[in-house]
Amino acid sequence: MQWRVNIPPLTRVLLALLIAFSLSYQTLRYGLDYTAGHYLALVPQWSIFAPWVYFTATYSEQNIVTIAIAGATILYGGKYLERAWGSMEYGKFILLVTLLPNFVASLIYVFLFAITQNDSLALVVIQGSVALQGAFLVAFKQLVPEHTVTILKGAIQVRVKHFPAIFLAANTLSGIILGTDTALVLAWLGFMTSWTYLRFYKKQLELSTAGTSDTQLRGDASETFAFASFWPDAMQPPVAAFADAIYNALVALRVCTPFTAADVEMGNEQATARGEGGPPDILNKGGSKSGRSKQEDAERRRALALKALDQRLHAASTNSRQQSSVQSSAAVDSPATIEAPAESQP
């Protein structure tokens, strides 16, 4: 019986790069010279002389634990995303969430060095797949937000939509308490890069029944993928107000194209259609529970879409009543003009 490797091609390449770059980094660092590892890891002061490190740094891990975490991220996350998007779109996503966070992180540390004149900030080593992990969690939040992941035989149950916030909180606390500031910076940059690309720029096929398979949409305007939706319910109103202010400023500067009501409606339909397609196979381990899980996720999607539609209809009816009330008040308040009869001439 012939053995088959059930891993998409680009995911296989990324796993090979992870192993090759991580082993090479350890060999250069400990076998030759400590500074030799900087040919694969990113050091802000030296990166201008080795620009390839903006890519290789993500796949150059420091130890066996981080290699295992990165390998699991690429294997399980990459298998689903590459099959869901195709190798071409998945490759674009990988390049973006690999290069941009590393580049911006180096600029941040150079800027901090210029302000503080602290040499350690310019010589800090930036490496690892933290940005990639945050980016993958955002992608899964878009695709299967209502799917529940069961850990320790049901002792812990977490919905996929909560993982990005948990990931950011963990890296933020670790950066402040344990001093892992590079992981903190990369986590937030990976999150923001992934969300911005998927929200405004990534092209996707229309999945709703109203569209054809050849119709392409740009971005994801659904309310379930808004920036505020990543945070707990209590935090969403202030986060939404802040995000809307930034968004309106970017629209005014013509950096972003505003979403229309039709875009939002289509985005909600897309989200519902993705929910009806079910969660990825890598998250379904129960076999017989798979059908039930898909049905539950689809019901949650429908409930969210109906809730969003009800809120928009309620807001529209409220505005309509207010406008009618203002017009009626104006009609009552303005006195009728009665022309005086013309005086007879003597």
Protein backbone atom coordinates (compact mmCIF):
# COMPACT_ATOMS: atom_id res chain seq x y z
CA MET A 1 0.00 0.00 0.00
CA GLN A 2 1.46 3.34 -1.07
CA TRP A 3 1.85 5.89 1.71
CA ARG A 4 0.47 9.36 0.95
CA VAL A 5 1.36 12.61 2.65
CA ASN A 6 -1.92 14.44 3.21
CA ILE A 7 -0.34 17.90 3.45
CA PRO A 8 -0.85 20.66 0.84
CA PRO A 9 2.28 21.63 -1.11
CA LEU A 10 2.91 25.11 0.30
CA THR A 11 2.37 23.90 3.86
CA ARG A 12 4.99 21.22 3.24
CA VAL A 13 7.42 23.87 1.98
CA LEU A 14 6.86 26.04 5.07
CA LEU A 15 7.44 23.07 7.39
CA ALA A 16 10.68 22.28 5.56
CA LEU A 17 11.78 25.90 5.85
CA LEU A 18 11.00 25.92 9.56
CA ILE A 19 13.18 22.87 10.19
CA ALA A 20 15.98 24.03 7.90
CA PHE A 21 16.17 27.62 9.17
CA SER A 22 15.84 26.64 12.85
CA LEU A 23 18.61 24.02 12.61
CA SER A 24 20.80 26.41 10.62
CA TYR A 25 20.26 29.15 13.20
CA GLN A 26 21.34 26.87 16.03
CA THR A 27 24.37 25.74 14.04
CA LEU A 28 25.45 29.30 13.21
CA ARG A 29 24.83 30.59 16.70
CA TYR A 30 26.47 27.85 18.74
CA GLY A 31 28.76 26.21 16.18
CA LEU A 32 30.47 29.26 14.69
CA ASP A 33 29.79 32.53 16.44
CA TYR A 34 26.96 34.09 18.41
CA THR A 35 26.61 36.93 15.90
CA ALA A 36 26.50 34.50 12.96
CA GLY A 37 22.91 33.70 13.88
CA HIS A 38 21.98 37.22 12.83
CA TYR A 39 22.13 36.09 9.21
CA LEU A 40 18.80 34.35 9.86
CA ALA A 41 17.32 36.21 12.84
CA LEU A 42 16.32 39.87 12.65
CA VAL A 43 18.46 42.47 14.43
CA PRO A 44 17.21 46.02 13.67
CA GLN A 45 20.67 47.57 13.49
CA TRP A 46 21.99 45.00 11.03
CA SER A 47 18.88 44.10 9.04
CA ILE A 48 19.59 46.69 6.35
CA PHE A 49 22.64 44.63 5.35
CA ALA A 50 20.67 41.35 5.30
CA PRO A 51 17.13 42.14 4.13
CA TRP A 52 16.23 38.46 3.72
CA VAL A 53 16.00 38.17 7.52
CA TYR A 54 12.55 39.81 7.39
CA PHE A 55 11.38 36.46 6.03
CA THR A 56 13.78 33.95 7.60
CA ALA A 57 13.37 35.33 11.15
CA THR A 58 9.82 33.97 11.37
CA TYR A 59 11.03 30.41 10.73
CA SER A 60 14.20 30.55 12.84
CA GLU A 61 13.14 29.29 16.26
CA GLN A 62 15.35 29.24 19.34
CA ASN A 63 14.54 25.89 20.96
CA ILE A 64 12.67 22.62 20.54
CA VAL A 65 9.54 23.91 22.32
CA THR A 66 9.06 26.90 20.03
CA ILE A 67 9.87 24.71 17.00
CA ALA A 68 7.10 22.30 18.05
CA ILE A 69 4.60 25.15 18.52
CA ALA A 70 5.50 26.70 15.18
CA GLY A 71 5.33 23.30 13.47
CA ALA A 72 1.86 22.62 14.87
CA THR A 73 0.71 26.09 13.81
CA ILE A 74 1.92 25.66 10.24
CA LEU A 75 0.80 22.03 9.92
CA TYR A 76 -2.74 22.25 11.28
CA GLY A 77 -3.47 25.88 10.46
CA GLY A 78 -1.81 25.76 7.06
CA LYS A 79 -3.59 22.55 6.03
CA TYR A 80 -6.98 24.14 6.44
CA LEU A 81 -6.21 27.65 5.18
CA GLU A 82 -4.42 26.44 2.06
CA ARG A 83 -7.33 24.16 1.19
CA ALA A 84 -9.91 26.86 1.96
CA TRP A 85 -8.18 29.66 0.01
CA GLY A 86 -5.97 27.85 -2.48
CA SER A 87 -2.17 27.86 -2.58
CA MET A 88 -1.93 31.21 -4.38
CA GLU A 89 -4.06 33.19 -1.91
CA TYR A 90 -2.53 31.34 1.02
CA GLY A 91 0.95 32.21 -0.25
CA LYS A 92 0.05 35.91 -0.46
CA PHE A 93 -1.27 35.80 3.08
CA ILE A 94 1.88 34.07 4.37
CA LEU A 95 4.20 36.60 2.72
CA LEU A 96 2.23 39.52 4.11
CA VAL A 97 1.97 38.31 7.71
CA THR A 98 5.61 37.23 7.66
CA LEU A 99 7.31 40.27 6.13
CA LEU A 100 5.22 43.21 7.34
CA PRO A 101 5.18 42.47 11.11
CA ASN A 102 8.94 41.88 11.14
CA PHE A 103 9.61 45.06 9.18
CA VAL A 104 7.36 47.23 11.35
CA ALA A 105 8.79 45.66 14.52
CA SER A 106 12.32 46.61 13.43
CA LEU A 107 11.16 50.18 12.79
CA ILE A 108 9.59 50.32 16.26
CA TYR A 109 12.83 49.27 17.94
CA VAL A 110 14.90 51.65 15.83
CA PHE A 111 12.52 54.46 16.80
CA LEU A 112 12.77 53.55 20.49
CA PHE A 113 16.56 53.46 20.20
CA ALA A 114 16.57 56.93 18.62
CA ILE A 115 14.53 58.27 21.55
CA THR A 116 16.25 56.51 24.44
CA GLN A 117 19.75 55.95 22.98
CA ASN A 118 19.63 52.49 24.56
CA ASP A 119 21.90 50.25 22.46
CA SER A 120 20.10 47.07 23.54
CA LEU A 121 16.98 48.18 21.65
CA ALA A 122 18.88 48.37 18.36
CA LEU A 123 20.52 45.01 18.98
CA VAL A 124 17.43 43.10 20.13
CA VAL A 125 16.88 39.77 18.34
CA ILE A 126 13.45 39.50 16.66
CA GLN A 127 12.53 35.97 15.61
CA GLY A 128 9.87 33.30 15.88
CA SER A 129 6.40 32.53 14.58
CA VAL A 130 4.39 34.61 17.08
CA ALA A 131 3.11 36.96 14.36
CA LEU A 132 2.15 33.95 12.23
CA GLN A 133 0.24 32.40 15.12
CA GLY A 134 -1.75 35.60 15.70
CA ALA A 135 -2.49 35.91 11.99
CA PHE A 136 -3.79 32.33 11.80
CA LEU A 137 -6.10 32.88 14.78
CA VAL A 138 -7.62 35.91 13.06
CA ALA A 139 -8.18 33.86 9.90
CA PHE A 140 -9.94 31.12 11.86
CA LYS A 141 -12.03 33.74 13.64
CA GLN A 142 -13.24 34.87 10.23
CA LEU A 143 -13.95 31.38 8.93
CA VAL A 144 -15.39 29.54 11.94
CA PRO A 145 -15.97 32.01 14.81
CA GLU A 146 -18.74 30.04 16.51
CA HIS A 147 -17.03 26.66 16.50
CA THR A 148 -16.24 25.35 19.97
CA VAL A 149 -12.87 23.75 20.67
CA THR A 150 -12.97 21.15 23.43
CA ILE A 151 -9.85 20.61 25.53
CA LEU A 152 -9.14 17.96 28.20
CA LYS A 153 -12.21 15.85 27.37
CA GLY A 154 -14.65 18.70 27.73
CA ALA A 155 -13.17 20.27 30.86
CA ILE A 156 -12.38 23.41 28.87
CA GLN A 157 -14.54 24.66 26.01
CA VAL A 158 -13.55 27.79 24.09
CA ARG A 159 -15.08 29.22 20.95
CA VAL A 160 -12.69 30.04 18.14
CA LYS A 161 -13.72 33.72 18.14
CA HIS A 162 -12.22 34.14 21.64
CA PHE A 163 -8.76 32.78 20.79
CA PRO A 164 -7.30 36.02 19.30
CA ALA A 165 -8.15 38.02 22.44
CA ILE A 166 -6.76 35.29 24.70
CA PHE A 167 -3.60 35.12 22.58
CA LEU A 168 -3.07 38.89 22.71
CA ALA A 169 -3.78 39.06 26.44
CA ALA A 170 -1.30 36.25 27.17
CA ASN A 171 1.49 37.83 25.10
CA THR A 172 0.81 41.29 26.49
CA LEU A 173 0.99 40.09 30.10
CA SER A 174 4.07 38.00 29.30
CA GLY A 175 5.77 40.99 27.70
CA ILE A 176 5.07 43.23 30.69
CA ILE A 177 5.77 40.73 33.47
CA LEU A 178 8.41 38.43 31.96
CA GLY A 179 10.06 40.92 29.62
CA THR A 180 9.21 39.10 26.36
CA ASP A 181 8.58 42.40 24.62
CA THR A 182 9.42 41.13 21.13
CA ALA A 183 6.65 38.52 21.38
CA LEU A 184 4.26 41.24 22.56
CA VAL A 185 5.08 43.45 19.56
CA LEU A 186 4.93 40.60 17.05
CA ALA A 187 1.62 39.30 18.43
CA TRP A 188 -0.12 42.65 17.97
CA LEU A 189 1.46 43.30 14.57
CA GLY A 190 0.51 39.84 13.30
CA PHE A 191 -3.04 40.34 14.54
CA MET A 192 -3.42 43.81 12.99
CA THR A 193 -1.81 42.81 9.68
CA SER A 194 -4.01 39.77 9.28
CA TRP A 195 -7.24 41.55 10.26
CA THR A 196 -6.57 44.56 8.02
CA TYR A 197 -5.82 42.37 5.00
CA LEU A 198 -8.79 40.06 5.50
CA ARG A 199 -11.16 42.90 6.36
CA PHE A 200 -10.37 45.30 3.51
CA TYR A 201 -8.26 43.71 0.80
CA LYS A 202 -8.42 39.92 0.41
CA LYS A 203 -10.52 38.78 -2.55
CA GLN A 204 -12.96 35.93 -1.97
CA LEU A 205 -15.58 34.08 -3.94
CA GLU A 206 -19.23 34.78 -3.20
CA LEU A 207 -20.68 31.89 -1.22
CA SER A 208 -24.28 33.03 -0.82
CA THR A 209 -27.02 31.40 -2.81
CA ALA A 210 -27.81 34.68 -4.49
CA GLY A 211 -24.42 34.86 -6.19
CA THR A 212 -22.51 32.79 -8.68
CA SER A 213 -19.23 31.02 -8.07
CA ASP A 214 -17.44 33.44 -10.42
CA THR A 215 -18.37 36.54 -8.39
CA GLN A 216 -15.46 37.94 -6.38
CA LEU A 217 -15.79 40.14 -3.32
CA ARG A 218 -13.12 42.36 -1.79
CA GLY A 219 -12.67 42.20 1.94
CA ASP A 220 -15.13 41.10 4.61
CA ALA A 221 -17.64 43.74 5.73
CA SER A 222 -19.60 41.37 7.99
CA GLU A 223 -20.47 42.60 11.45
CA THR A 224 -19.14 39.37 12.96
CA PHE A 225 -15.64 40.31 11.72
CA ALA A 226 -15.66 43.93 12.87
CA PHE A 227 -12.72 44.96 15.05
CA ALA A 228 -14.88 45.26 18.16
CA SER A 229 -16.14 41.68 17.74
CA PHE A 230 -12.75 40.33 18.83
CA TRP A 231 -13.18 41.57 22.39
CA PRO A 232 -15.48 40.65 25.30
CA ASP A 233 -18.99 42.10 25.20
CA ALA A 234 -18.29 44.63 27.96
CA MET A 235 -15.36 46.09 26.00
CA GLN A 236 -17.04 46.21 22.61
CA PRO A 237 -18.82 49.64 22.86
CA PRO A 238 -15.68 51.69 23.69
CA VAL A 239 -13.55 49.63 21.30
CA ALA A 240 -16.14 50.14 18.54
CA ALA A 241 -16.20 53.90 19.16
CA PHE A 242 -12.40 54.09 18.98
CA ALA A 243 -12.21 51.86 15.89
CA ASP A 244 -14.95 53.86 14.13
CA ALA A 245 -13.06 57.10 14.79
CA ILE A 246 -9.87 55.67 13.27
CA TYR A 247 -11.83 54.20 10.36
CA ASN A 248 -13.61 57.49 9.62
CA ALA A 249 -10.27 59.32 9.69
CA LEU A 250 -8.76 56.84 7.22
CA VAL A 251 -11.81 57.16 4.98
CA ALA A 252 -11.51 60.95 5.08
CA LEU A 253 -7.85 60.61 4.08
CA ARG A 254 -8.94 58.18 1.32
CA VAL A 255 -6.75 55.44 2.71
CA CYS A 256 -9.76 53.12 3.07
CA THR A 257 -12.86 52.77 0.91
CA PRO A 258 -16.00 52.92 3.07
CA PHE A 259 -18.29 49.92 3.16
CA THR A 260 -21.79 50.44 1.82
CA ALA A 261 -24.94 48.96 3.36
CA ALA A 262 -24.95 46.43 0.51
CA ASP A 263 -21.36 45.44 1.37
CA VAL A 264 -22.29 44.83 5.01
CA GLU A 265 -25.35 42.80 4.02
CA MET A 266 -23.33 40.73 1.58
CA GLY A 267 -20.63 40.22 4.20
CA ASN A 268 -23.21 38.93 6.67
CA GLU A 269 -24.53 36.55 4.02
CA GLN A 270 -20.98 35.34 3.39
CA ALA A 271 -20.47 34.73 7.10
CA THR A 272 -23.69 32.74 7.26
CA ALA A 273 -22.71 30.70 4.20
CA ARG A 274 -19.31 29.90 5.71
CA GLY A 275 -21.00 28.80 8.92
CA GLU A 276 -23.28 26.45 7.05
CA GLY A 277 -20.19 24.90 5.45
CA GLY A 278 -19.07 23.70 8.88
CA PRO A 279 -15.82 23.96 10.82
CA PRO A 280 -12.48 22.68 9.51
CA ASP A 281 -11.69 18.99 9.78
CA ILE A 282 -8.70 19.64 12.01
CA LEU A 283 -11.03 20.87 14.73
CA ASN A 284 -13.44 17.94 14.45
CA LYS A 285 -12.20 14.90 16.30
CA GLY A 286 -15.47 13.42 17.44
CA GLY A 287 -16.57 11.70 14.24
CA SER A 288 -20.22 11.16 15.10
CA LYS A 289 -20.45 14.63 16.65
CA SER A 290 -19.31 16.33 13.46
CA GLY A 291 -22.77 16.70 11.96
CA ARG A 292 -24.22 18.03 15.20
CA SER A 293 -21.35 20.51 15.55
CA LYS A 294 -21.89 21.79 12.02
CA GLN A 295 -25.61 22.22 12.65
CA GLU A 296 -25.00 24.09 15.90
CA ASP A 297 -22.48 26.40 14.25
CA ALA A 298 -24.89 27.12 11.41
CA GLU A 299 -27.65 27.94 13.90
CA ARG A 300 -25.36 30.34 15.76
CA ARG A 301 -24.46 32.01 12.48
CA ARG A 302 -28.10 32.43 11.54
CA ALA A 303 -28.91 33.83 14.96
CA LEU A 304 -26.10 36.40 14.69
CA ALA A 305 -27.17 37.40 11.19
CA LEU A 306 -30.82 37.78 12.26
CA LYS A 307 -29.76 39.81 15.29
CA ALA A 308 -27.67 42.15 13.13
CA LEU A 309 -30.54 42.52 10.64
CA ASP A 310 -33.01 43.27 13.44
CA GLN A 311 -30.70 45.94 14.84
CA ARG A 312 -30.37 47.63 11.45
CA LEU A 313 -34.13 47.54 10.85
CA HIS A 314 -34.80 48.93 14.33
CA ALA A 315 -32.30 51.74 13.78
CA ALA A 316 -33.83 52.54 10.39
CA SER A 317 -37.38 52.62 11.78
CA THR A 318 -36.28 54.81 14.69
CA ASN A 319 -34.68 57.33 12.33
CA SER A 320 -37.77 57.30 10.14
CA ARG A 321 -40.06 58.02 13.10
CA GLN A 322 -37.78 60.82 14.28
CA GLN A 323 -37.80 62.45 10.84
CA SER A 324 -41.59 62.16 10.61
CA SER A 325 -41.94 63.70 14.07
CA VAL A 326 -39.68 66.61 13.15
CA GLN A 327 -41.63 67.26 9.95
CA SER A 328 -44.98 67.12 11.80
CA SER A 329 -43.72 69.52 14.45
CA ALA A 330 -42.51 71.91 11.81
CA ALA A 331 -45.90 71.81 10.08
CA VAL A 332 -47.77 72.53 13.33
CA ASP A 333 -45.42 75.25 14.54
CA SER A 334 -45.44 77.28 11.30
CA PRO A 335 -48.66 79.44 11.18
CA ALA A 336 -50.67 79.51 8.04
CA THR A 337 -50.25 82.65 6.02
CA ILE A 338 -53.54 84.39 5.27
CA GLU A 339 -53.54 87.15 2.75
CA ALA A 340 -55.36 90.30 3.84
CA PRO A 341 -58.19 91.46 1.54
CA ALA A 342 -57.31 94.33 -0.72
CA GLU A 343 -58.61 97.75 0.42
CA SER A 344 -61.18 99.38 -1.78
CA GLN A 345 -60.09 102.57 -3.44
CA PRO A 346 -62.03 105.73 -2.46
